[in-house]
PDB file of N, CA and C in Angstrom:
ATOM      1  N   MET A   1     111.712  94.251 132.578  1.00  0.00           N
ATOM      2  CA  MET A   1     111.303  94.102 131.196  1.00  0.00           C
ATOM      3  C   MET A   1     110.174  95.095 130.924  1.00  0.00           C
ATOM      4  N   GLN A   2     110.233  95.716 129.735  1.00  0.00           N
ATOM      5  CA  GLN A   2     109.233  96.720 129.352  1.00  0.00           C
ATOM      6  C   GLN A   2     108.736  96.436 127.938  1.00  0.00           C
ATOM      7  N   ILE A   3     107.426  96.474 127.756  1.00  0.00           N
ATOM      8  CA  ILE A   3     106.829  96.310 126.432  1.00  0.00           C
ATOM      9  C   ILE A   3     106.863  97.653 125.714  1.00  0.00           C
ATOM     10  N   ILE A   4     107.289  97.641 124.451  1.00  0.00           N
ATOM     11  CA  ILE A   4     107.332  98.847 123.620  1.00  0.00           C
ATOM     12  C   ILE A   4     106.211  98.741 122.595  1.00  0.00           C
ATOM     13  N   GLU A   5     105.348  99.752 122.557  1.00  0.00           N
ATOM     14  CA  GLU A   5     104.248  99.788 121.590  1.00  0.00           C
ATOM     15  C   GLU A   5     104.078 101.205 121.068  1.00  0.00           C
ATOM     16  N   THR A   6     103.778 101.322 119.774  1.00  0.00           N
ATOM     17  CA  THR A   6     103.510 102.614 119.161  1.00  0.00           C
ATOM     18  C   THR A   6     102.445 102.469 118.087  1.00  0.00           C
ATOM     19  N   ASP A   7     101.646 103.512 117.909  1.00  0.00           N
ATOM     20  CA  ASP A   7     100.658 103.545 116.828  1.00  0.00           C
ATOM     21  C   ASP A   7     101.320 103.857 115.491  1.00  0.00           C
ATOM     22  N   LYS A   8     102.604 104.213 115.512  1.00  0.00           N
ATOM     23  CA  LYS A   8     103.325 104.548 114.278  1.00  0.00           C
ATOM     24  C   LYS A   8     103.894 103.313 113.587  1.00  0.00           C
ATOM     25  N   ALA A   9     103.607 102.144 114.145  1.00  0.00           N
ATOM     26  CA  ALA A   9     103.982 100.859 113.542  1.00  0.00           C
ATOM     27  C   ALA A   9     102.759  99.957 113.650  1.00  0.00           C
ATOM     28  N   PRO A  10     102.707  98.913 112.832  1.00  0.00           N
ATOM     29  CA  PRO A  10     101.531  98.040 112.863  1.00  0.00           C
ATOM     30  C   PRO A  10     101.352  97.331 114.194  1.00  0.00           C
ATOM     31  N   LYS A  11     100.099  97.117 114.545  1.00  0.00           N
ATOM     32  CA  LYS A  11      99.792  96.327 115.727  1.00  0.00           C
ATOM     33  C   LYS A  11     100.247  94.888 115.478  1.00  0.00           C
ATOM     34  N   ALA A  12     100.595  94.201 116.537  1.00  0.00           N
ATOM     35  CA  ALA A  12     100.984  92.799 116.414  1.00  0.00           C
ATOM     36  C   ALA A  12      99.820  91.986 115.851  1.00  0.00           C
ATOM     37  N   ILE A  13     100.111  91.056 114.941  1.00  0.00           N
ATOM     38  CA  ILE A  13      99.054  90.238 114.342  1.00  0.00           C
ATOM     39  C   ILE A  13      98.960  88.875 115.024  1.00  0.00           C
ATOM     40  N   GLY A  14      99.528  88.778 116.196  1.00  0.00           N
ATOM     41  CA  GLY A  14      99.495  87.549 116.978  1.00  0.00           C
ATOM     42  C   GLY A  14      99.829  87.851 118.427  1.00  0.00           C
ATOM     43  N   PRO A  15     100.039  86.817 119.224  1.00  0.00           N
ATOM     44  CA  PRO A  15     100.329  87.012 120.647  1.00  0.00           C
ATOM     45  C   PRO A  15     101.804  87.352 120.898  1.00  0.00           C
ATOM     46  N   TYR A  16     102.188  88.541 120.474  1.00  0.00           N
ATOM     47  CA  TYR A  16     103.552  89.028 120.687  1.00  0.00           C
ATOM     48  C   TYR A  16     103.525  90.548 120.774  1.00  0.00           C
ATOM     49  N   SER A  17     104.636  91.137 121.169  1.00  0.00           N
ATOM     50  CA  SER A  17     104.766  92.589 121.291  1.00  0.00           C
ATOM     51  C   SER A  17     105.556  93.137 120.112  1.00  0.00           C
ATOM     52  N   GLN A  18     105.357  94.429 119.802  1.00  0.00           N
ATOM     53  CA  GLN A  18     106.170  95.057 118.755  1.00  0.00           C
ATOM     54  C   GLN A  18     107.635  94.973 119.136  1.00  0.00           C
ATOM     55  N   ALA A  19     107.919  95.219 120.408  1.00  0.00           N
ATOM     56  CA  ALA A  19     109.299  95.128 120.901  1.00  0.00           C
ATOM     57  C   ALA A  19     109.281  94.957 122.411  1.00  0.00           C
ATOM     58  N   ILE A  20     110.388  94.461 122.913  1.00  0.00           N
ATOM     59  CA  ILE A  20     110.597  94.307 124.351  1.00  0.00           C
ATOM     60  C   ILE A  20     111.938  94.936 124.697  1.00  0.00           C
ATOM     61  N   LYS A  21     111.925  95.784 125.702  1.00  0.00           N
ATOM     62  CA  LYS A  21     113.167  96.331 126.248  1.00  0.00           C
ATOM     63  C   LYS A  21     113.536  95.472 127.450  1.00  0.00           C
ATOM     64  N   TYR A  22     114.743  94.927 127.412  1.00  0.00           N
ATOM     65  CA  TYR A  22     115.227  94.097 128.502  1.00  0.00           C
ATOM     66  C   TYR A  22     116.660  94.506 128.807  1.00  0.00           C
ATOM     67  N   GLU A  23     116.874  94.989 130.008  1.00  0.00           N
ATOM     68  CA  GLU A  23     118.168  95.513 130.431  1.00  0.00           C
ATOM     69  C   GLU A  23     118.647  96.547 129.414  1.00  0.00           C
ATOM     70  N   SER A  24     119.769  96.323 128.746  1.00  0.00           N
ATOM     71  CA  SER A  24     120.281  97.357 127.833  1.00  0.00           C
ATOM     72  C   SER A  24     119.984  97.041 126.361  1.00  0.00           C
ATOM     73  N   PHE A  25     119.003  96.170 126.112  1.00  0.00           N
ATOM     74  CA  PHE A  25     118.671  95.802 124.738  1.00  0.00           C
ATOM     75  C   PHE A  25     117.191  96.006 124.439  1.00  0.00           C
ATOM     76  N   VAL A  26     116.905  96.282 123.177  1.00  0.00           N
ATOM     77  CA  VAL A  26     115.536  96.310 122.674  1.00  0.00           C
ATOM     78  C   VAL A  26     115.460  95.282 121.561  1.00  0.00           C
ATOM     79  N   PHE A  27     114.533  94.349 121.707  1.00  0.00           N
ATOM     80  CA  PHE A  27     114.323  93.282 120.735  1.00  0.00           C
ATOM     81  C   PHE A  27     113.061  93.610 119.948  1.00  0.00           C
ATOM     82  N   VAL A  28     113.222  93.946 118.664  1.00  0.00           N
ATOM     83  CA  VAL A  28     112.091  94.313 117.814  1.00  0.00           C
ATOM     84  C   VAL A  28     111.624  93.072 117.071  1.00  0.00           C
ATOM     85  N   SER A  29     110.341  92.752 117.217  1.00  0.00           N
ATOM     86  CA  SER A  29     109.767  91.601 116.527  1.00  0.00           C
ATOM     87  C   SER A  29     109.869  91.768 115.021  1.00  0.00           C
ATOM     88  N   GLY A  30     109.864  90.646 114.320  1.00  0.00           N
ATOM     89  CA  GLY A  30     109.909  90.674 112.864  1.00  0.00           C
ATOM     90  C   GLY A  30     108.788  91.531 112.299  1.00  0.00           C
ATOM     91  N   GLN A  31     109.154  92.396 111.374  1.00  0.00           N
ATOM     92  CA  GLN A  31     108.201  93.311 110.748  1.00  0.00           C
ATOM     93  C   GLN A  31     108.012  92.944 109.282  1.00  0.00           C
ATOM     94  N   ILE A  32     106.752  92.955 108.858  1.00  0.00           N
ATOM     95  CA  ILE A  32     106.430  92.810 107.446  1.00  0.00           C
ATOM     96  C   ILE A  32     105.787  94.110 106.994  1.00  0.00           C
ATOM     97  N   ALA A  33     105.460  94.209 105.723  1.00  0.00           N
ATOM     98  CA  ALA A  33     104.988  95.473 105.132  1.00  0.00           C
ATOM     99  C   ALA A  33     103.510  95.736 105.432  1.00  0.00           C
ATOM    100  N   ILE A  34     103.240  96.063 106.676  1.00  0.00           N
ATOM    101  CA  ILE A  34     101.889  96.446 107.080  1.00  0.00           C
ATOM    102  C   ILE A  34     101.890  97.944 107.337  1.00  0.00           C
ATOM    103  N   ASP A  35     100.937  98.633 106.739  1.00  0.00           N
ATOM    104  CA  ASP A  35     100.782 100.075 106.920  1.00  0.00           C
ATOM    105  C   ASP A  35     100.200 100.327 108.306  1.00  0.00           C
ATOM    106  N   PRO A  36     100.885 101.097 109.156  1.00  0.00           N
ATOM    107  CA  PRO A  36     100.383 101.311 110.519  1.00  0.00           C
ATOM    108  C   PRO A  36      99.074 102.105 110.575  1.00  0.00           C
ATOM    109  N   GLU A  37      98.793 102.901 109.561  1.00  0.00           N
ATOM    110  CA  GLU A  37      97.558 103.690 109.562  1.00  0.00           C
ATOM    111  C   GLU A  37      96.332 102.841 109.245  1.00  0.00           C
ATOM    112  N   THR A  38      96.483 101.916 108.298  1.00  0.00           N
ATOM    113  CA  THR A  38      95.343 101.096 107.869  1.00  0.00           C
ATOM    114  C   THR A  38      95.375  99.688 108.447  1.00  0.00           C
ATOM    115  N   GLN A  39      96.524  99.266 108.964  1.00  0.00           N
ATOM    116  CA  GLN A  39      96.755  97.901 109.447  1.00  0.00           C
ATOM    117  C   GLN A  39      96.598  96.875 108.327  1.00  0.00           C
ATOM    118  N   GLU A  40      96.774  97.337 107.078  1.00  0.00           N
ATOM    119  CA  GLU A  40      96.666  96.461 105.915  1.00  0.00           C
ATOM    120  C   GLU A  40      98.056  96.154 105.355  1.00  0.00           C
ATOM    121  N   PHE A  41      98.229  94.927 104.893  1.00  0.00           N
ATOM    122  CA  PHE A  41      99.455  94.528 104.225  1.00  0.00           C
ATOM    123  C   PHE A  41      99.519  95.247 102.881  1.00  0.00           C
ATOM    124  N   ILE A  42     100.663  95.854 102.560  1.00  0.00           N
ATOM    125  CA  ILE A  42     100.723  96.679 101.352  1.00  0.00           C
ATOM    126  C   ILE A  42     101.146  95.929 100.098  1.00  0.00           C
ATOM    127  N   GLY A  43     101.739  94.766 100.225  1.00  0.00           N
ATOM    128  CA  GLY A  43     102.111  94.010  99.030  1.00  0.00           C
ATOM    129  C   GLY A  43     103.056  94.785  98.133  1.00  0.00           C
ATOM    130  N   GLY A  44     102.994  94.490  96.841  1.00  0.00           N
ATOM    131  CA  GLY A  44     103.841  95.186  95.891  1.00  0.00           C
ATOM    132  C   GLY A  44     105.224  94.587  95.799  1.00  0.00           C
ATOM    133  N   SER A  45     106.139  95.375  95.243  1.00  0.00           N
ATOM    134  CA  SER A  45     107.509  94.918  95.007  1.00  0.00           C
ATOM    135  C   SER A  45     108.254  94.686  96.320  1.00  0.00           C
ATOM    136  N   VAL A  46     109.321  93.915  96.244  1.00  0.00           N
ATOM    137  CA  VAL A  46     110.134  93.662  97.430  1.00  0.00           C
ATOM    138  C   VAL A  46     110.766  94.963  97.920  1.00  0.00           C
ATOM    139  N   GLU A  47     111.082  95.878  97.003  1.00  0.00           N
ATOM    140  CA  GLU A  47     111.645  97.173  97.413  1.00  0.00           C
ATOM    141  C   GLU A  47     110.625  97.975  98.209  1.00  0.00           C
ATOM    142  N   LYS A  48     109.394  98.021  97.719  1.00  0.00           N
ATOM    143  CA  LYS A  48     108.321  98.753  98.411  1.00  0.00           C
ATOM    144  C   LYS A  48     108.065  98.127  99.785  1.00  0.00           C
ATOM    145  N   GLN A  49     108.042  96.809  99.843  1.00  0.00           N
ATOM    146  CA  GLN A  49     107.820  96.130 101.124  1.00  0.00           C
ATOM    147  C   GLN A  49     108.974  96.405 102.093  1.00  0.00           C
ATOM    148  N   THR A  50     110.199  96.357 101.600  1.00  0.00           N
ATOM    149  CA  THR A  50     111.362  96.598 102.462  1.00  0.00           C
ATOM    150  C   THR A  50     111.332  98.010 103.038  1.00  0.00           C
ATOM    151  N   GLU A  51     110.974  98.979 102.218  1.00  0.00           N
ATOM    152  CA  GLU A  51     110.867 100.369 102.690  1.00  0.00           C
ATOM    153  C   GLU A  51     109.867 100.473 103.841  1.00  0.00           C
ATOM    154  N   ARG A  52     108.704  99.850 103.689  1.00  0.00           N
ATOM    155  CA  ARG A  52     107.679  99.901 104.741  1.00  0.00           C
ATOM    156  C   ARG A  52     108.179  99.201 106.001  1.00  0.00           C
ATOM    157  N   VAL A  53     108.832  98.049 105.836  1.00  0.00           N
ATOM    158  CA  VAL A  53     109.377  97.313 106.969  1.00  0.00           C
ATOM    159  C   VAL A  53     110.384  98.172 107.733  1.00  0.00           C
ATOM    160  N   MET A  54     111.285  98.814 107.027  1.00  0.00           N
ATOM    161  CA  MET A  54     112.306  99.632 107.682  1.00  0.00           C
ATOM    162  C   MET A  54     111.686 100.828 108.392  1.00  0.00           C
ATOM    163  N   GLU A  55     110.664 101.422 107.814  1.00  0.00           N
ATOM    164  CA  GLU A  55     109.972 102.536 108.473  1.00  0.00           C
ATOM    165  C   GLU A  55     109.262 102.055 109.735  1.00  0.00           C
ATOM    166  N   ASN A  56     108.696 100.858 109.700  1.00  0.00           N
ATOM    167  CA  ASN A  56     108.056 100.298 110.897  1.00  0.00           C
ATOM    168  C   ASN A  56     109.084 100.085 112.001  1.00  0.00           C
ATOM    169  N   ILE A  57     110.228  99.530 111.644  1.00  0.00           N
ATOM    170  CA  ILE A  57     111.298  99.305 112.621  1.00  0.00           C
ATOM    171  C   ILE A  57     111.763 100.629 113.207  1.00  0.00           C
ATOM    172  N   LYS A  58     111.971 101.603 112.346  1.00  0.00           N
ATOM    173  CA  LYS A  58     112.416 102.929 112.788  1.00  0.00           C
ATOM    174  C   LYS A  58     111.431 103.526 113.798  1.00  0.00           C
ATOM    175  N   ALA A  59     110.133 103.399 113.535  1.00  0.00           N
ATOM    176  CA  ALA A  59     109.112 103.946 114.438  1.00  0.00           C
ATOM    177  C   ALA A  59     109.122 103.243 115.796  1.00  0.00           C
ATOM    178  N   ILE A  60     109.296 101.944 115.785  1.00  0.00           N
ATOM    179  CA  ILE A  60     109.340 101.195 117.044  1.00  0.00           C
ATOM    180  C   ILE A  60     110.571 101.594 117.853  1.00  0.00           C
ATOM    181  N   LEU A  61     111.704 101.705 117.186  1.00  0.00           N
ATOM    182  CA  LEU A  61     112.927 102.132 117.883  1.00  0.00           C
ATOM    183  C   LEU A  61     112.763 103.533 118.465  1.00  0.00           C
ATOM    184  N   GLU A  62     112.151 104.428 117.703  1.00  0.00           N
ATOM    185  CA  GLU A  62     111.931 105.793 118.200  1.00  0.00           C
ATOM    186  C   GLU A  62     111.051 105.792 119.437  1.00  0.00           C
ATOM    187  N   GLU A  63     110.056 104.924 119.478  1.00  0.00           N
ATOM    188  CA  GLU A  63     109.196 104.815 120.660  1.00  0.00           C
ATOM    189  C   GLU A  63     110.007 104.380 121.881  1.00  0.00           C
ATOM    190  N   ALA A  64     111.045 103.594 121.647  1.00  0.00           N
ATOM    191  CA  ALA A  64     111.924 103.136 122.729  1.00  0.00           C
ATOM    192  C   ALA A  64     113.011 104.160 123.054  1.00  0.00           C
ATOM    193  N   GLY A  65     113.017 105.299 122.337  1.00  0.00           N
ATOM    194  CA  GLY A  65     114.021 106.333 122.572  1.00  0.00           C
ATOM    195  C   GLY A  65     115.323 106.072 121.835  1.00  0.00           C
ATOM    196  N   LEU A  66     115.276 105.237 120.814  1.00  0.00           N
ATOM    197  CA  LEU A  66     116.475 104.862 120.064  1.00  0.00           C
ATOM    198  C   LEU A  66     116.338 105.241 118.602  1.00  0.00           C
ATOM    199  N   ASN A  67     117.389 104.981 117.843  1.00  0.00           N
ATOM    200  CA  ASN A  67     117.338 105.176 116.395  1.00  0.00           C
ATOM    201  C   ASN A  67     118.106 104.041 115.722  1.00  0.00           C
ATOM    202  N   MET A  68     118.199 104.097 114.416  1.00  0.00           N
ATOM    203  CA  MET A  68     118.828 103.013 113.657  1.00  0.00           C
ATOM    204  C   MET A  68     120.304 102.821 114.019  1.00  0.00           C
ATOM    205  N   ASN A  69     120.954 103.850 114.535  1.00  0.00           N
ATOM    206  CA  ASN A  69     122.358 103.726 114.932  1.00  0.00           C
ATOM    207  C   ASN A  69     122.545 102.862 116.169  1.00  0.00           C
ATOM    208  N   HIS A  70     121.447 102.555 116.868  1.00  0.00           N
ATOM    209  CA  HIS A  70     121.519 101.686 118.042  1.00  0.00           C
ATOM    210  C   HIS A  70     121.400 100.207 117.681  1.00  0.00           C
ATOM    211  N   VAL A  71     121.074  99.907 116.441  1.00  0.00           N
ATOM    212  CA  VAL A  71     120.870  98.515 116.027  1.00  0.00           C
ATOM    213  C   VAL A  71     122.209  97.780 116.003  1.00  0.00           C
ATOM    214  N   VAL A  72     122.256  96.639 116.693  1.00  0.00           N
ATOM    215  CA  VAL A  72     123.486  95.854 116.737  1.00  0.00           C
ATOM    216  C   VAL A  72     123.397  94.588 115.889  1.00  0.00           C
ATOM    217  N   LYS A  73     122.171  94.106 115.611  1.00  0.00           N
ATOM    218  CA  LYS A  73     122.000  92.855 114.857  1.00  0.00           C
ATOM    219  C   LYS A  73     120.659  92.879 114.140  1.00  0.00           C
ATOM    220  N   THR A  74     120.660  92.433 112.895  1.00  0.00           N
ATOM    221  CA  THR A  74     119.413  92.277 112.152  1.00  0.00           C
ATOM    222  C   THR A  74     119.359  90.865 111.565  1.00  0.00           C
ATOM    223  N   THR A  75     118.144  90.402 111.368  1.00  0.00           N
ATOM    224  CA  THR A  75     117.921  89.162 110.634  1.00  0.00           C
ATOM    225  C   THR A  75     116.889  89.462 109.564  1.00  0.00           C
ATOM    226  N   ILE A  76     117.236  89.137 108.326  1.00  0.00           N
ATOM    227  CA  ILE A  76     116.346  89.360 107.187  1.00  0.00           C
ATOM    228  C   ILE A  76     115.882  88.000 106.690  1.00  0.00           C
ATOM    229  N   TYR A  77     114.570  87.857 106.563  1.00  0.00           N
ATOM    230  CA  TYR A  77     113.967  86.642 106.025  1.00  0.00           C
ATOM    231  C   TYR A  77     113.400  86.987 104.652  1.00  0.00           C
ATOM    232  N   LEU A  78     113.850  86.273 103.630  1.00  0.00           N
ATOM    233  CA  LEU A  78     113.405  86.526 102.256  1.00  0.00           C
ATOM    234  C   LEU A  78     112.644  85.325 101.716  1.00  0.00           C
ATOM    235  N   LYS A  79     111.547  85.596 101.047  1.00  0.00           N
ATOM    236  CA  LYS A  79     110.809  84.546 100.348  1.00  0.00           C
ATOM    237  C   LYS A  79     111.645  84.004  99.191  1.00  0.00           C
ATOM    238  N   ASP A  80     112.433  84.881  98.562  1.00  0.00           N
ATOM    239  CA  ASP A  80     113.273  84.498  97.426  1.00  0.00           C
ATOM    240  C   ASP A  80     114.647  85.137  97.596  1.00  0.00           C
ATOM    241  N   ILE A  81     115.667  84.336  97.797  1.00  0.00           N
ATOM    242  CA  ILE A  81     117.028  84.849  98.008  1.00  0.00           C
ATOM    243  C   ILE A  81     117.518  85.656  96.807  1.00  0.00           C
ATOM    244  N   ASN A  82     116.905  85.474  95.655  1.00  0.00           N
ATOM    245  CA  ASN A  82     117.272  86.268  94.476  1.00  0.00           C
ATOM    246  C   ASN A  82     116.905  87.741  94.636  1.00  0.00           C
ATOM    247  N   ASP A  83     116.099  88.073  95.648  1.00  0.00           N
ATOM    248  CA  ASP A  83     115.762  89.469  95.947  1.00  0.00           C
ATOM    249  C   ASP A  83     116.799  90.131  96.852  1.00  0.00           C
ATOM    250  N   PHE A  84     117.857  89.399  97.183  1.00  0.00           N
ATOM    251  CA  PHE A  84     118.875  89.894  98.118  1.00  0.00           C
ATOM    252  C   PHE A  84     119.383  91.284  97.745  1.00  0.00           C
ATOM    253  N   GLU A  85     119.793  91.490  96.502  1.00  0.00           N
ATOM    254  CA  GLU A  85     120.368  92.778  96.096  1.00  0.00           C
ATOM    255  C   GLU A  85     119.343  93.908  96.184  1.00  0.00           C
ATOM    256  N   LYS A  86     118.102  93.643  95.807  1.00  0.00           N
ATOM    257  CA  LYS A  86     117.052  94.665  95.867  1.00  0.00           C
ATOM    258  C   LYS A  86     116.787  95.080  97.313  1.00  0.00           C
ATOM    259  N   VAL A  87     116.699  94.099  98.195  1.00  0.00           N
ATOM    260  CA  VAL A  87     116.478  94.387  99.618  1.00  0.00           C
ATOM    261  C   VAL A  87     117.691  95.104 100.186  1.00  0.00           C
ATOM    262  N   ASN A  88     118.877  94.659  99.831  1.00  0.00           N
ATOM    263  CA  ASN A  88     120.111  95.247 100.328  1.00  0.00           C
ATOM    264  C   ASN A  88     120.210  96.733  99.971  1.00  0.00           C
ATOM    265  N   GLU A  89     119.755  97.087  98.778  1.00  0.00           N
ATOM    266  CA  GLU A  89     119.810  98.484  98.332  1.00  0.00           C
ATOM    267  C   GLU A  89     118.937  99.367  99.226  1.00  0.00           C
ATOM    268  N   VAL A  90     117.725  98.936  99.516  1.00  0.00           N
ATOM    269  CA  VAL A  90     116.828  99.718 100.383  1.00  0.00           C
ATOM    270  C   VAL A  90     117.352  99.706 101.815  1.00  0.00           C
ATOM    271  N   TYR A  91     117.700  98.547 102.328  1.00  0.00           N
ATOM    272  CA  TYR A  91     118.223  98.381 103.682  1.00  0.00           C
ATOM    273  C   TYR A  91     119.434  99.292 103.901  1.00  0.00           C
ATOM    274  N   GLY A  92     120.307  99.378 102.906  1.00  0.00           N
ATOM    275  CA  GLY A  92     121.528 100.176 103.004  1.00  0.00           C
ATOM    276  C   GLY A  92     121.279 101.660 103.185  1.00  0.00           C
ATOM    277  N   ARG A  93     120.122 102.148 102.770  1.00  0.00           N
ATOM    278  CA  ARG A  93     119.787 103.564 102.978  1.00  0.00           C
ATOM    279  C   ARG A  93     119.553 103.884 104.453  1.00  0.00           C
ATOM    280  N   TYR A  94     119.243 102.879 105.236  1.00  0.00           N
ATOM    281  CA  TYR A  94     118.973 103.070 106.660  1.00  0.00           C
ATOM    282  C   TYR A  94     120.216 102.859 107.519  1.00  0.00           C
ATOM    283  N   PHE A  95     121.224 102.218 106.959  1.00  0.00           N
ATOM    284  CA  PHE A  95     122.477 101.969 107.674  1.00  0.00           C
ATOM    285  C   PHE A  95     123.619 102.423 106.770  1.00  0.00           C
ATOM    286  N   THR A  96     124.001 103.692 106.891  1.00  0.00           N
ATOM    287  CA  THR A  96     125.032 104.240 106.018  1.00  0.00           C
ATOM    288  C   THR A  96     126.413 104.020 106.631  1.00  0.00           C
ATOM    289  N   GLU A  97     126.759 104.788 107.654  1.00  0.00           N
ATOM    290  CA  GLU A  97     128.060 104.602 108.307  1.00  0.00           C
ATOM    291  C   GLU A  97     128.019 103.472 109.317  1.00  0.00           C
ATOM    292  N   HIS A  98     126.930 103.387 110.061  1.00  0.00           N
ATOM    293  CA  HIS A  98     126.751 102.332 111.062  1.00  0.00           C
ATOM    294  C   HIS A  98     126.182 101.094 110.366  1.00  0.00           C
ATOM    295  N   LYS A  99     126.876  99.979 110.470  1.00  0.00           N
ATOM    296  CA  LYS A  99     126.435  98.744 109.817  1.00  0.00           C
ATOM    297  C   LYS A  99     126.373  97.633 110.864  1.00  0.00           C
ATOM    298  N   PRO A 100     125.152  97.269 111.291  1.00  0.00           N
ATOM    299  CA  PRO A 100     125.037  96.215 112.308  1.00  0.00           C
ATOM    300  C   PRO A 100     125.394  94.838 111.754  1.00  0.00           C
ATOM    301  N   ALA A 101     125.639  93.900 112.653  1.00  0.00           N
ATOM    302  CA  ALA A 101     125.804  92.503 112.246  1.00  0.00           C
ATOM    303  C   ALA A 101     124.484  92.050 111.633  1.00  0.00           C
ATOM    304  N   ARG A 102     124.551  91.054 110.720  1.00  0.00           N
ATOM    305  CA  ARG A 102     123.327  90.674 110.016  1.00  0.00           C
ATOM    306  C   ARG A 102     123.390  89.236 109.525  1.00  0.00           C
ATOM    307  N   ALA A 103     122.223  88.624 109.485  1.00  0.00           N
ATOM    308  CA  ALA A 103     122.050  87.335 108.815  1.00  0.00           C
ATOM    309  C   ALA A 103     120.888  87.501 107.844  1.00  0.00           C
ATOM    310  N   THR A 104     120.985  86.849 106.690  1.00  0.00           N
ATOM    311  CA  THR A 104     119.910  86.854 105.699  1.00  0.00           C
ATOM    312  C   THR A 104     119.652  85.418 105.292  1.00  0.00           C
ATOM    313  N   VAL A 105     118.387  85.015 105.370  1.00  0.00           N
ATOM    314  CA  VAL A 105     118.038  83.639 105.018  1.00  0.00           C
ATOM    315  C   VAL A 105     116.808  83.607 104.131  1.00  0.00           C
ATOM    316  N   GLU A 106     116.752  82.599 103.280  1.00  0.00           N
ATOM    317  CA  GLU A 106     115.558  82.365 102.471  1.00  0.00           C
ATOM    318  C   GLU A 106     114.644  81.431 103.256  1.00  0.00           C
ATOM    319  N   VAL A 107     113.352  81.739 103.227  1.00  0.00           N
ATOM    320  CA  VAL A 107     112.354  80.919 103.919  1.00  0.00           C
ATOM    321  C   VAL A 107     111.273  80.504 102.926  1.00  0.00           C
ATOM    322  N   SER A 108     110.536  79.463 103.256  1.00  0.00           N
ATOM    323  CA  SER A 108     109.533  78.960 102.321  1.00  0.00           C
ATOM    324  C   SER A 108     108.281  79.827 102.272  1.00  0.00           C
ATOM    325  N   ASN A 109     107.983  80.530 103.361  1.00  0.00           N
ATOM    326  CA  ASN A 109     106.792  81.365 103.384  1.00  0.00           C
ATOM    327  C   ASN A 109     106.897  82.369 104.525  1.00  0.00           C
ATOM    328  N   LEU A 110     106.156  83.484 104.390  1.00  0.00           N
ATOM    329  CA  LEU A 110     106.107  84.506 105.427  1.00  0.00           C
ATOM    330  C   LEU A 110     104.650  84.901 105.652  1.00  0.00           C
ATOM    331  N   PRO A 111     104.330  85.483 106.815  1.00  0.00           N
ATOM    332  CA  PRO A 111     102.949  85.887 107.078  1.00  0.00           C
ATOM    333  C   PRO A 111     102.394  86.799 105.981  1.00  0.00           C
ATOM    334  N   LYS A 112     101.126  86.612 105.660  1.00  0.00           N
ATOM    335  CA  LYS A 112     100.387  87.429 104.693  1.00  0.00           C
ATOM    336  C   LYS A 112     100.978  87.406 103.291  1.00  0.00           C
ATOM    337  N   GLY A 113     101.827  86.419 103.001  1.00  0.00           N
ATOM    338  CA  GLY A 113     102.444  86.331 101.683  1.00  0.00           C
ATOM    339  C   GLY A 113     103.540  87.350 101.460  1.00  0.00           C
ATOM    340  N   ALA A 114     104.093  87.892 102.544  1.00  0.00           N
ATOM    341  CA  ALA A 114     105.160  88.895 102.446  1.00  0.00           C
ATOM    342  C   ALA A 114     106.380  88.339 101.715  1.00  0.00           C
ATOM    343  N   LEU A 115     107.113  89.220 101.084  1.00  0.00           N
ATOM    344  CA  LEU A 115     108.349  88.849 100.400  1.00  0.00           C
ATOM    345  C   LEU A 115     109.565  89.016 101.306  1.00  0.00           C
ATOM    346  N   VAL A 116     109.410  89.845 102.366  1.00  0.00           N
ATOM    347  CA  VAL A 116     110.527  90.139 103.271  1.00  0.00           C
ATOM    348  C   VAL A 116     109.985  90.370 104.681  1.00  0.00           C
ATOM    349  N   GLU A 117     110.753  89.911 105.665  1.00  0.00           N
ATOM    350  CA  GLU A 117     110.494  90.191 107.081  1.00  0.00           C
ATOM    351  C   GLU A 117     111.844  90.487 107.710  1.00  0.00           C
ATOM    352  N   ILE A 118     111.876  91.498 108.574  1.00  0.00           N
ATOM    353  CA  ILE A 118     113.137  91.871 109.222  1.00  0.00           C
ATOM    354  C   ILE A 118     112.903  92.050 110.719  1.00  0.00           C
ATOM    355  N   GLU A 119     113.807  91.493 111.533  1.00  0.00           N
ATOM    356  CA  GLU A 119     113.797  91.717 112.973  1.00  0.00           C
ATOM    357  C   GLU A 119     115.124  92.345 113.363  1.00  0.00           C
ATOM    358  N   VAL A 120     115.124  93.106 114.454  1.00  0.00           N
ATOM    359  CA  VAL A 120     116.371  93.745 114.891  1.00  0.00           C
ATOM    360  C   VAL A 120     116.539  93.662 116.393  1.00  0.00           C
ATOM    361  N   ILE A 121     117.784  93.752 116.801  1.00  0.00           N
ATOM    362  CA  ILE A 121     118.150  93.894 118.197  1.00  0.00           C
ATOM    363  C   ILE A 121     118.954  95.190 118.300  1.00  0.00           C
ATOM    364  N   ALA A 122     118.561  96.049 119.222  1.00  0.00           N
ATOM    365  CA  ALA A 122     119.245  97.327 119.412  1.00  0.00           C
ATOM    366  C   ALA A 122     119.813  97.379 120.824  1.00  0.00           C
ATOM    367  N   GLY A 123     120.933  98.048 120.963  1.00  0.00           N
ATOM    368  CA  GLY A 123     121.565  98.212 122.258  1.00  0.00           C
ATOM    369  C   GLY A 123     121.446  99.649 122.726  1.00  0.00           C
ATOM    370  N   ILE A 124     121.218  99.797 124.010  1.00  0.00           N
ATOM    371  CA  ILE A 124     121.039 101.136 124.575  1.00  0.00           C
ATOM    372  C   ILE A 124     122.380 101.676 125.026  1.00  0.00           C
TER     373      ILE A 124
END
């Protein structure tokens, strides 16, 4: 097992790792819209938050030597399921031809008042 960490994504805000590489998989912890340079939550629209989340995921995968085409499964947590289409539009820019398996669920709350959190599993 190997811990994956990069300064190009936000530091963990609790007792967890940005990602863990285990055998042929990389498990990326749920990401919210935290700017890796300032370590501040950026807030704003769900589209803006989703863009930041996807960039954080991309940076963590790159640190592991992977890219978005290695993602096999994602889970999207939404504060409001009515934001599904807005999140889907941004998310879709990162997965054009390659489309991983996915689950999307509405939750009652997310850390720092985030509107969206996304976790991924990538295969090597």
